[in-house]
Amino acid sequence: MKKILAGYLYRLFRGFEIWVLLALLLISTVYMNFVSFRSEDYIATNLTGNDLTEELWGYGENTLVHINASEVNQYRFDGLNVSAYDVYRMEADVLPEEMRDILCRRDKVCFAGQEAAFIVGSIKDCSIMPIILIVLFIPIFFGRLFSDGVIKNYIADGFRKRTIYLASLLFTCILNLLLLAISTGVFVIFCLIYKWHPPVYLPMLLFILLIDFLMALTVSSLLLAVLFAARKKTAAIIAGFLVVISMFFIPFSPAFMILVSNETDYDNFFQSETYEELKPVMAKYGLYAFETKFDVTAYTERLYYNGKECFPMEYDLPKPVEKTLITMIYLDHAMIKRSTGWRDFPLYRDGVYAINAACNVFWTILFNAAGIMIFKKRELN
């Protein structure tokens, strides 16, 4: 395997693909981060010197708040004297009242939750360009190995087909790690340039990066399996194109859309006595007045107040259909990229992200097992 990897490495740096790949990655990630940071006023205002006008959405009234650029730090995470962990868990746990008065009040501006959401979204987006570029790289690089007779020569030299395939998989794993590290590094550099100190809750962010890598590995495995089974670049390019479209340009899975369209019972809560009792606290803290738990078996958030569930929700579907749709959602390797509206910390804490990681491992094993099996049986012409 070492000889195969050394040969791949030699052809990689001798060819043009890696240099084009790295140039495209740097250009695209720098541009994406530049646009993202410029679009987030609470991050960019110190650099631009612009004042901010925020519209606060409350229960029954909206308020415009004007913030001078020289004062904006007192509204951001690094000026609030709270921990990064508390900024994240405000999405799910009922914090002590004095902390909620800092992080969650409706009668003043606090950007901590927005800053946390921004960094989570940015870390998720670090996988976009690496995956797109690896989809372009695999058909070109490994396709040439077939067309140039390199794979056939390895077999003639006594290398087993399984060894060749696994060496190719390991090579793409290393390349995926490199591309993801560069993409993440560009984001970190932008944080330094903008002098932004985001609320970094590392266990969660590192887990998201792990899923980013596993998603890239799943896509790489699919393309390698298609290429080694068909031995044609065209088939791998078509497969890669379909994967990218499904991951980054289709925001919702069909199963999720069907599930959401059959939600029932939300309206009943607004007619209840419990709602009338909660209106004052909701006016002050909004959804942060509730404890949030993610129900993995129903793929939905459950909100609780003093141990009692509020906004009870069921699906108006036969149970077998409901469970089938939920299973299809969890089998989506790009579930973390879908815009479902659920908040990130409960997804991480209650195991949904762990399911997504396991899903990618499952598809990676399945694709590679199929690719090796077909490649071993096919004769090279």
Protein backbone atom coordinates (compact mmCIF):
# COMPACT_ATOMS: atom_id res chain seq x y z
CA MET A 1 0.00 0.00 0.00
CA LYS A 2 2.91 2.37 0.72
CA LYS A 3 4.11 2.07 -2.86
CA ILE A 4 0.64 2.87 -4.18
CA LEU A 5 0.28 5.89 -1.90
CA ALA A 6 3.76 7.11 -2.87
CA GLY A 7 2.79 6.79 -6.54
CA TYR A 8 -0.43 8.71 -5.97
CA LEU A 9 1.45 11.44 -4.11
CA TYR A 10 4.03 11.74 -6.89
CA ARG A 11 1.33 12.02 -9.57
CA LEU A 12 -0.59 14.49 -7.39
CA PHE A 13 2.20 17.04 -7.09
CA ARG A 14 3.39 16.41 -10.63
CA GLY A 15 -0.05 17.13 -12.07
CA PHE A 16 -2.08 20.31 -12.12
CA GLU A 17 -5.12 19.13 -10.18
CA ILE A 18 -3.90 19.82 -6.64
CA TRP A 19 -2.72 23.35 -7.44
CA VAL A 20 -5.99 24.25 -9.14
CA LEU A 21 -7.84 22.65 -6.24
CA LEU A 22 -5.98 24.65 -3.61
CA ALA A 23 -6.30 27.90 -5.55
CA LEU A 24 -10.06 27.43 -5.97
CA LEU A 25 -10.43 26.53 -2.30
CA LEU A 26 -8.59 29.62 -1.09
CA ILE A 27 -10.37 32.00 -3.48
CA SER A 28 -13.83 30.61 -2.73
CA THR A 29 -13.45 30.37 1.05
CA VAL A 30 -11.96 33.86 1.33
CA TYR A 31 -14.85 35.27 -0.71
CA MET A 32 -17.52 33.33 1.23
CA ASN A 33 -16.14 34.46 4.59
CA PHE A 34 -15.75 38.06 3.41
CA VAL A 35 -19.42 38.15 2.39
CA SER A 36 -20.56 36.40 5.60
CA PHE A 37 -18.65 38.67 7.96
CA ARG A 38 -19.74 41.78 6.12
CA SER A 39 -23.37 40.69 6.36
CA GLU A 40 -23.29 40.29 10.16
CA ASP A 41 -23.50 43.84 11.51
CA TYR A 42 -22.82 42.91 15.12
CA ILE A 43 -19.46 41.44 14.06
CA ALA A 44 -18.43 43.92 11.35
CA THR A 45 -19.54 47.14 13.01
CA ASN A 46 -16.23 47.68 14.85
CA LEU A 47 -14.35 47.47 11.56
CA THR A 48 -16.74 49.62 9.54
CA GLY A 49 -17.55 52.11 12.31
CA ASN A 50 -21.23 52.03 11.38
CA ASP A 51 -23.99 52.44 13.95
CA LEU A 52 -26.58 49.70 14.37
CA THR A 53 -30.34 49.79 14.33
CA GLU A 54 -31.98 46.62 15.66
CA GLU A 55 -35.65 45.80 15.54
CA LEU A 56 -36.68 43.82 18.62
CA TRP A 57 -39.58 41.47 18.08
CA GLY A 58 -41.63 41.07 21.21
CA TYR A 59 -45.07 39.69 22.04
CA GLY A 60 -47.46 42.47 21.09
CA GLU A 61 -44.98 45.17 20.07
CA ASN A 62 -41.81 45.82 18.08
CA THR A 63 -39.10 48.27 19.13
CA LEU A 64 -36.29 49.96 17.21
CA VAL A 65 -33.05 50.25 19.19
CA HIS A 66 -30.15 52.41 17.99
CA ILE A 67 -26.61 51.44 19.05
CA ASN A 68 -23.52 53.55 18.55
CA ALA A 69 -20.56 51.65 17.10
CA SER A 70 -18.42 52.63 20.07
CA GLU A 71 -20.92 50.97 22.43
CA VAL A 72 -21.59 47.75 20.56
CA ASN A 73 -19.19 45.60 22.62
CA GLN A 74 -21.41 45.80 25.68
CA TYR A 75 -24.11 43.99 23.70
CA ARG A 76 -21.83 41.25 22.37
CA PHE A 77 -20.61 38.03 23.95
CA ASP A 78 -17.19 39.29 24.97
CA GLY A 79 -18.73 42.19 26.91
CA LEU A 80 -21.40 40.27 28.82
CA ASN A 81 -19.22 38.38 31.35
CA VAL A 82 -20.90 35.02 30.70
CA SER A 83 -19.43 31.67 29.65
CA ALA A 84 -19.56 30.28 26.11
CA TYR A 85 -21.32 27.19 27.45
CA ASP A 86 -24.13 29.32 28.91
CA VAL A 87 -24.58 31.13 25.58
CA TYR A 88 -25.19 27.78 23.88
CA ARG A 89 -27.36 26.20 26.54
CA MET A 90 -29.63 29.27 26.64
CA GLU A 91 -31.25 27.62 23.59
CA ALA A 92 -32.34 24.62 25.64
CA ASP A 93 -32.05 25.13 29.40
CA VAL A 94 -33.89 27.51 31.70
CA LEU A 95 -31.05 29.65 33.02
CA PRO A 96 -31.10 31.42 36.39
CA GLU A 97 -33.12 34.60 36.18
CA GLU A 98 -30.14 36.92 36.62
CA MET A 99 -28.41 35.23 33.66
CA ARG A 100 -31.56 35.32 31.56
CA ASP A 101 -31.77 39.05 32.26
CA ILE A 102 -28.35 39.34 30.59
CA LEU A 103 -28.80 36.94 27.67
CA CYS A 104 -32.50 36.69 26.90
CA ARG A 105 -34.39 39.87 27.71
CA ARG A 106 -36.70 41.34 25.12
CA ASP A 107 -36.37 44.99 26.19
CA LYS A 108 -32.71 45.38 25.23
CA VAL A 109 -30.32 44.08 22.59
CA CYS A 110 -28.09 41.06 23.17
CA PHE A 111 -26.15 39.53 20.29
CA ALA A 112 -24.74 36.50 22.16
CA GLY A 113 -27.25 34.02 20.76
CA GLN A 114 -26.82 35.42 17.24
CA GLU A 115 -23.04 35.22 17.54
CA ALA A 116 -23.26 31.58 18.64
CA ALA A 117 -25.60 30.78 15.74
CA PHE A 118 -23.25 32.55 13.32
CA ILE A 119 -20.19 30.54 14.32
CA VAL A 120 -22.15 27.25 14.24
CA GLY A 121 -23.41 28.07 10.74
CA SER A 122 -19.92 29.09 9.64
CA ILE A 123 -18.37 25.84 10.92
CA LYS A 124 -21.05 23.87 9.06
CA ASP A 125 -20.31 25.86 5.90
CA CYS A 126 -16.61 24.98 6.13
CA SER A 127 -17.51 21.68 4.46
CA ILE A 128 -19.16 23.18 1.37
CA MET A 129 -16.16 23.97 -0.83
CA PRO A 130 -14.05 20.95 0.25
CA ILE A 131 -16.90 18.62 -0.74
CA ILE A 132 -17.56 20.39 -4.05
CA LEU A 133 -13.85 20.34 -4.92
CA ILE A 134 -13.33 16.69 -3.95
CA VAL A 135 -16.29 15.85 -6.21
CA LEU A 136 -14.35 17.48 -9.08
CA PHE A 137 -11.01 15.99 -8.05
CA ILE A 138 -11.88 12.28 -7.77
CA PRO A 139 -13.19 11.74 -11.34
CA ILE A 140 -10.29 13.73 -12.85
CA PHE A 141 -7.41 12.30 -10.78
CA PHE A 142 -8.49 8.66 -10.43
CA GLY A 143 -10.11 8.66 -13.86
CA ARG A 144 -6.68 9.38 -15.36
CA LEU A 145 -5.22 6.46 -13.40
CA PHE A 146 -7.62 4.18 -15.26
CA SER A 147 -7.19 5.83 -18.67
CA ASP A 148 -3.37 5.90 -18.33
CA GLY A 149 -3.23 2.23 -17.35
CA VAL A 150 -1.79 2.91 -13.89
CA ILE A 151 -4.36 0.74 -12.10
CA LYS A 152 -3.76 -2.07 -14.58
CA ASN A 153 0.00 -1.82 -13.93
CA TYR A 154 -0.52 -2.07 -10.16
CA ILE A 155 -2.52 -5.26 -10.67
CA ALA A 156 0.16 -6.64 -12.99
CA ASP A 157 2.75 -5.92 -10.26
CA GLY A 158 0.86 -8.20 -7.89
CA PHE A 159 -1.20 -5.71 -5.88
CA ARG A 160 -4.63 -6.96 -4.90
CA LYS A 161 -7.59 -4.97 -6.09
CA ARG A 162 -8.80 -4.48 -2.53
CA THR A 163 -5.42 -3.00 -1.58
CA ILE A 164 -5.56 -0.58 -4.52
CA TYR A 165 -9.08 0.49 -3.59
CA LEU A 166 -8.28 0.98 0.11
CA ALA A 167 -5.12 2.94 -0.76
CA SER A 168 -7.27 5.21 -2.94
CA LEU A 169 -9.75 5.65 -0.10
CA LEU A 170 -7.00 6.49 2.40
CA PHE A 171 -5.53 8.98 -0.07
CA THR A 172 -8.86 10.80 -0.41
CA CYS A 173 -9.30 10.75 3.40
CA ILE A 174 -6.02 12.59 3.83
CA LEU A 175 -6.97 15.06 1.11
CA ASN A 176 -10.39 15.64 2.72
CA LEU A 177 -8.72 16.42 6.04
CA LEU A 178 -6.33 18.85 4.36
CA LEU A 179 -9.10 20.70 2.50
CA LEU A 180 -11.31 20.93 5.61
CA ALA A 181 -8.37 22.18 7.69
CA ILE A 182 -7.66 24.92 5.13
CA SER A 183 -11.32 25.95 4.92
CA THR A 184 -11.63 26.09 8.72
CA GLY A 185 -8.32 27.93 8.98
CA VAL A 186 -9.56 30.68 6.64
CA PHE A 187 -12.58 31.18 8.90
CA VAL A 188 -10.33 31.43 11.99
CA ILE A 189 -8.15 34.00 10.21
CA PHE A 190 -11.23 36.12 9.49
CA CYS A 191 -12.14 35.98 13.19
CA LEU A 192 -8.67 37.37 13.98
CA ILE A 193 -8.87 40.04 11.27
CA TYR A 194 -12.24 41.25 12.54
CA LYS A 195 -11.03 41.01 16.15
CA TRP A 196 -14.05 38.85 16.92
CA HIS A 197 -14.07 36.62 20.02
CA PRO A 198 -16.93 34.22 19.33
CA PRO A 199 -18.55 32.15 22.09
CA VAL A 200 -16.63 28.96 21.34
CA TYR A 201 -18.10 25.88 22.99
CA LEU A 202 -15.47 23.49 21.65
CA PRO A 203 -17.10 20.07 22.31
CA MET A 204 -20.02 20.99 20.07
CA LEU A 205 -18.00 22.75 17.37
CA LEU A 206 -15.44 19.93 17.17
CA PHE A 207 -18.30 17.43 16.78
CA ILE A 208 -19.71 19.50 13.91
CA LEU A 209 -16.26 19.48 12.28
CA LEU A 210 -16.20 15.70 12.70
CA ILE A 211 -19.53 15.46 10.85
CA ASP A 212 -18.14 17.80 8.17
CA PHE A 213 -15.28 15.36 7.62
CA LEU A 214 -17.57 12.32 7.69
CA MET A 215 -19.88 13.91 5.11
CA ALA A 216 -16.89 14.52 2.84
CA LEU A 217 -15.80 10.92 3.38
CA THR A 218 -19.27 9.63 2.50
CA VAL A 219 -19.27 11.61 -0.74
CA SER A 220 -15.72 10.48 -1.57
CA SER A 221 -16.68 6.86 -0.91
CA LEU A 222 -19.68 7.10 -3.22
CA LEU A 223 -17.63 8.60 -6.05
CA LEU A 224 -14.79 6.10 -5.63
CA ALA A 225 -17.28 3.22 -5.61
CA VAL A 226 -18.96 4.48 -8.79
CA LEU A 227 -15.63 5.16 -10.52
CA PHE A 228 -13.98 1.85 -9.61
CA ALA A 229 -17.15 -0.09 -10.46
CA ALA A 230 -17.82 1.64 -13.80
CA ARG A 231 -14.18 2.62 -14.59
CA LYS A 232 -15.55 5.74 -16.34
CA LYS A 233 -15.16 9.35 -15.29
CA THR A 234 -18.57 10.27 -16.69
CA ALA A 235 -20.43 8.06 -14.24
CA ALA A 236 -18.53 9.51 -11.28
CA ILE A 237 -19.08 13.10 -12.47
CA ILE A 238 -22.84 12.52 -12.78
CA ALA A 239 -22.96 10.92 -9.31
CA GLY A 240 -20.97 13.81 -7.83
CA PHE A 241 -23.19 16.41 -9.49
CA LEU A 242 -26.33 14.79 -8.06
CA VAL A 243 -24.79 14.60 -4.57
CA VAL A 244 -23.80 18.28 -4.55
CA ILE A 245 -27.25 19.34 -5.77
CA SER A 246 -28.96 17.27 -3.08
CA MET A 247 -26.66 18.49 -0.28
CA PHE A 248 -26.34 22.20 -0.91
CA PHE A 249 -29.21 23.26 -3.16
CA ILE A 250 -32.16 21.31 -1.73
CA PRO A 251 -32.78 22.81 1.73
CA PHE A 252 -35.34 20.27 2.94
CA SER A 253 -35.66 16.54 2.47
CA PRO A 254 -39.02 15.35 1.07
CA ALA A 255 -39.57 13.24 4.21
CA PHE A 256 -39.18 16.30 6.44
CA MET A 257 -41.59 18.34 4.33
CA ILE A 258 -44.25 15.63 4.54
CA LEU A 259 -43.73 15.30 8.29
CA VAL A 260 -43.98 19.04 8.98
CA SER A 261 -47.08 19.44 6.80
CA ASN A 262 -48.86 16.95 9.04
CA GLU A 263 -48.12 18.64 12.40
CA THR A 264 -51.21 19.16 14.56
CA ASP A 265 -52.32 20.59 17.93
CA TYR A 266 -50.15 23.74 18.12
CA ASP A 267 -53.18 26.04 18.02
CA ASN A 268 -54.79 24.39 21.04
CA PHE A 269 -52.08 25.77 23.33
CA PHE A 270 -52.89 29.38 22.44
CA GLN A 271 -56.48 28.81 23.56
CA SER A 272 -55.49 27.32 26.91
CA GLU A 273 -55.31 28.80 30.42
CA THR A 274 -51.62 27.85 30.54
CA TYR A 275 -50.88 30.27 27.71
CA GLU A 276 -52.59 33.12 29.55
CA GLU A 277 -50.45 32.38 32.61
CA LEU A 278 -47.25 32.31 30.56
CA LYS A 279 -47.83 35.47 28.50
CA PRO A 280 -45.92 37.77 30.93
CA VAL A 281 -42.83 35.55 31.08
CA MET A 282 -42.96 34.95 27.31
CA ALA A 283 -43.15 38.70 26.73
CA LYS A 284 -39.96 39.09 28.74
CA TYR A 285 -37.93 36.05 27.68
CA GLY A 286 -39.65 34.59 24.61
CA LEU A 287 -38.85 30.93 23.98
CA TYR A 288 -35.94 31.20 26.41
CA ALA A 289 -38.51 30.84 29.19
CA PHE A 290 -38.89 27.17 28.24
CA GLU A 291 -36.77 24.08 28.64
CA THR A 292 -36.16 22.48 25.25
CA LYS A 293 -35.70 18.78 24.67
CA PHE A 294 -35.39 17.15 21.29
CA ASP A 295 -37.59 14.09 20.88
CA VAL A 296 -35.48 11.77 18.74
CA THR A 297 -38.33 9.28 18.24
CA ALA A 298 -40.61 11.96 16.77
CA TYR A 299 -37.93 14.23 15.24
CA THR A 300 -39.27 17.35 16.90
CA GLU A 301 -38.56 19.78 19.74
CA ARG A 302 -40.56 19.54 22.95
CA LEU A 303 -40.93 22.69 25.07
CA TYR A 304 -41.51 22.44 28.84
CA TYR A 305 -42.34 24.95 31.54
CA ASN A 306 -42.04 23.83 35.16
CA GLY A 307 -41.94 20.23 33.96
CA LYS A 308 -45.16 20.48 31.91
CA GLU A 309 -45.05 20.23 28.13
CA CYS A 310 -46.27 23.28 26.22
CA PHE A 311 -47.17 23.39 22.52
CA PRO A 312 -47.92 19.64 22.42
CA MET A 313 -47.55 18.37 18.89
CA GLU A 314 -48.47 15.14 17.12
CA TYR A 315 -48.39 13.99 13.51
CA ASP A 316 -51.62 13.32 11.67
CA LEU A 317 -50.15 10.23 10.02
CA PRO A 318 -50.40 6.48 10.46
CA LYS A 319 -47.62 5.36 12.80
CA PRO A 320 -45.84 3.17 10.21
CA VAL A 321 -45.75 6.12 7.78
CA GLU A 322 -44.51 8.49 10.50
CA LYS A 323 -41.70 6.12 11.58
CA THR A 324 -40.70 5.52 7.95
CA LEU A 325 -40.41 9.25 7.28
CA ILE A 326 -38.37 9.81 10.45
CA THR A 327 -36.05 6.95 9.51
CA MET A 328 -35.57 8.49 6.06
CA ILE A 329 -34.62 11.81 7.70
CA TYR A 330 -32.02 10.14 9.89
CA LEU A 331 -30.62 8.25 6.89
CA ASP A 332 -29.84 11.57 5.19
CA HIS A 333 -26.06 11.90 5.43
CA ALA A 334 -26.36 15.69 5.00
CA MET A 335 -29.02 16.12 7.69
CA ILE A 336 -26.84 18.65 9.53
CA LYS A 337 -27.00 20.92 6.45
CA ARG A 338 -30.79 20.91 6.15
CA SER A 339 -32.59 24.09 7.22
CA THR A 340 -35.06 22.45 9.59
CA GLY A 341 -35.29 25.41 11.98
CA TRP A 342 -34.33 23.34 15.02
CA ARG A 343 -31.80 24.93 17.36
CA ASP A 344 -28.32 23.48 17.33
CA PHE A 345 -27.47 22.88 20.98
CA PRO A 346 -30.46 20.57 21.65
CA LEU A 347 -29.61 18.67 18.45
CA TYR A 348 -26.07 18.17 19.71
CA ARG A 349 -26.95 17.48 23.36
CA ASP A 350 -29.83 15.09 22.72
CA GLY A 351 -28.05 12.87 20.19
CA VAL A 352 -29.31 13.97 16.78
CA TYR A 353 -25.83 14.95 15.63
CA ALA A 354 -24.51 11.63 16.90
CA ILE A 355 -27.10 9.89 14.73
CA ASN A 356 -25.95 11.97 11.76
CA ALA A 357 -22.33 10.97 12.40
CA ALA A 358 -23.31 7.29 12.64
CA CYS A 359 -25.34 7.64 9.43
CA ASN A 360 -22.27 8.86 7.54
CA VAL A 361 -20.21 5.97 8.91
CA PHE A 362 -22.93 3.56 7.77
CA TRP A 363 -23.04 4.95 4.20
CA THR A 364 -19.25 5.09 3.99
CA ILE A 365 -18.94 1.41 4.92
CA LEU A 366 -21.77 0.42 2.57
CA PHE A 367 -20.43 2.37 -0.43
CA ASN A 368 -16.89 1.09 0.00
CA ALA A 369 -17.98 -2.51 0.55
CA ALA A 370 -20.03 -2.36 -2.65
CA GLY A 371 -17.19 -0.64 -4.53
CA ILE A 372 -14.60 -3.22 -3.49
CA MET A 373 -16.91 -6.14 -4.26
CA ILE A 374 -17.75 -4.93 -7.78
CA PHE A 375 -14.17 -3.84 -8.53
CA LYS A 376 -12.80 -7.26 -7.56
CA LYS A 377 -15.20 -9.01 -9.93
CA ARG A 378 -14.77 -6.68 -12.91
CA GLU A 379 -12.06 -7.39 -15.44
CA LEU A 380 -9.92 -4.47 -16.60
CA ASN A 381 -9.80 -4.18 -20.38
